[in-house]
Amino acid sequence: KKNTAEGYGILKLNDGSVYSGYFKNTEFNGFGCYYYASGSLYLGDWKNGNQHGSAIFVSKDGFRYTGNFKNNKYDGVGEFYVEETGETKKVKYKDGVEITE
């Protein structure tokens, strides 16, 4: 369809962010990589334009999260790695909120 993104593509946004991955109905859908203008990076699954599924998020602030996302939030069991200290920590999230037991 005219003006509809489908399949693989690269989208460069005005703020300097770049998405490289799959589209469905002009939304990020499937596997893709989003480079934030700030310097952070999300590499993983998308669903209907949202970060959703398995992914790695690398923050410009020196930490990495490997785990699941649901509707753009950490969800499920994942692991944080802090570059400065080398510390790793298993965490559990529900809708972006850490669950402590």
Protein backbone atom coordinates (compact mmCIF):
# COMPACT_ATOMS: atom_id res chain seq x y z
CA LYS A 1 0.00 0.00 0.00
CA LYS A 2 1.10 3.53 -0.62
CA ASN A 3 2.68 5.18 2.46
CA THR A 4 2.68 1.92 4.42
CA ALA A 5 5.94 0.35 5.62
CA GLU A 6 6.02 -3.46 5.37
CA GLY A 7 8.96 -5.83 5.75
CA TYR A 8 12.55 -4.85 6.52
CA GLY A 9 13.63 -1.23 6.50
CA ILE A 10 15.59 1.56 8.14
CA LEU A 11 13.93 4.63 9.63
CA LYS A 12 15.97 7.70 10.56
CA LEU A 13 14.12 10.07 12.89
CA ASN A 14 14.55 13.83 13.17
CA ASP A 15 15.99 13.56 16.72
CA GLY A 16 18.87 11.39 15.45
CA SER A 17 17.41 8.04 16.53
CA VAL A 18 17.52 5.18 14.01
CA TYR A 19 15.43 2.01 13.76
CA SER A 20 16.65 -0.88 11.66
CA GLY A 21 14.33 -3.86 11.49
CA TYR A 22 10.96 -5.14 10.47
CA PHE A 23 7.71 -3.25 9.99
CA LYS A 24 4.10 -4.34 9.80
CA ASN A 25 1.37 -1.78 9.06
CA THR A 26 4.03 0.95 9.42
CA GLU A 27 4.82 -0.08 13.03
CA PHE A 28 7.96 -1.72 14.38
CA ASN A 29 7.09 -5.42 14.40
CA GLY A 30 9.36 -8.46 14.66
CA PHE A 31 13.09 -8.21 15.26
CA GLY A 32 14.74 -4.80 15.19
CA CYS A 33 17.40 -2.52 16.56
CA TYR A 34 16.63 0.97 17.87
CA TYR A 35 19.56 3.35 18.34
CA TYR A 36 18.46 6.19 20.61
CA ALA A 37 19.83 9.66 19.91
CA SER A 38 21.09 9.62 23.52
CA GLY A 39 23.45 6.73 22.75
CA SER A 40 21.43 3.86 24.26
CA LEU A 41 20.43 0.80 22.22
CA TYR A 42 17.52 -1.68 22.19
CA LEU A 43 18.08 -4.90 20.23
CA GLY A 44 15.21 -7.34 20.23
CA ASP A 45 11.58 -8.05 19.53
CA TRP A 46 8.81 -5.57 18.78
CA LYS A 47 5.04 -5.97 18.62
CA ASN A 48 2.69 -3.31 17.25
CA GLY A 49 5.29 -0.57 17.69
CA ASN A 50 6.21 -1.54 21.28
CA GLN A 51 9.27 -3.23 22.78
CA HIS A 52 7.79 -6.66 23.42
CA GLY A 53 9.63 -9.97 23.82
CA SER A 54 13.26 -10.96 24.31
CA ALA A 55 15.81 -8.18 24.05
CA ILE A 56 19.03 -6.57 25.17
CA PHE A 57 18.96 -2.94 26.26
CA VAL A 58 22.33 -1.21 26.53
CA SER A 59 22.18 2.10 28.35
CA LYS A 60 24.46 5.02 27.58
CA ASP A 61 24.82 5.20 31.39
CA GLY A 62 26.84 1.98 31.58
CA PHE A 63 24.39 -0.82 32.31
CA ARG A 64 22.93 -3.62 30.23
CA TYR A 65 19.62 -5.42 30.72
CA THR A 66 19.08 -8.79 29.09
CA GLY A 67 15.59 -10.19 29.40
CA ASN A 68 11.99 -9.68 28.43
CA PHE A 69 9.95 -6.61 27.68
CA LYS A 70 6.20 -6.14 27.52
CA ASN A 71 4.68 -2.93 26.16
CA ASN A 72 8.00 -1.02 26.47
CA LYS A 73 8.66 -2.12 30.07
CA TYR A 74 10.89 -4.72 31.70
CA ASP A 75 8.78 -7.82 32.32
CA GLY A 76 9.75 -11.24 33.66
CA VAL A 77 13.16 -12.45 34.74
CA GLY A 78 16.20 -10.64 33.40
CA GLU A 79 19.77 -9.77 34.21
CA PHE A 80 21.42 -6.41 34.80
CA TYR A 81 25.12 -5.96 34.18
CA VAL A 82 26.90 -2.83 35.44
CA GLU A 83 29.93 -2.06 33.29
CA GLU A 84 31.80 0.03 35.87
CA THR A 85 31.81 -2.65 38.59
CA GLY A 86 31.30 -5.84 36.57
CA GLU A 87 28.38 -6.67 38.85
CA THR A 88 25.53 -8.82 37.54
CA LYS A 89 22.16 -9.15 39.19
CA LYS A 90 19.15 -11.31 38.37
CA VAL A 91 15.92 -9.35 38.61
CA LYS A 92 12.22 -10.02 38.20
CA TYR A 93 9.82 -7.41 36.85
CA LYS A 94 6.09 -7.10 36.34
CA ASP A 95 4.98 -4.22 34.10
CA GLY A 96 8.24 -2.35 34.70
CA VAL A 97 8.20 -2.69 38.47
CA GLU A 98 10.84 -4.80 40.22
CA ILE A 99 9.38 -7.65 42.23
CA THR A 100 11.28 -8.44 45.43
CA GLU A 101 10.50 -11.58 47.36
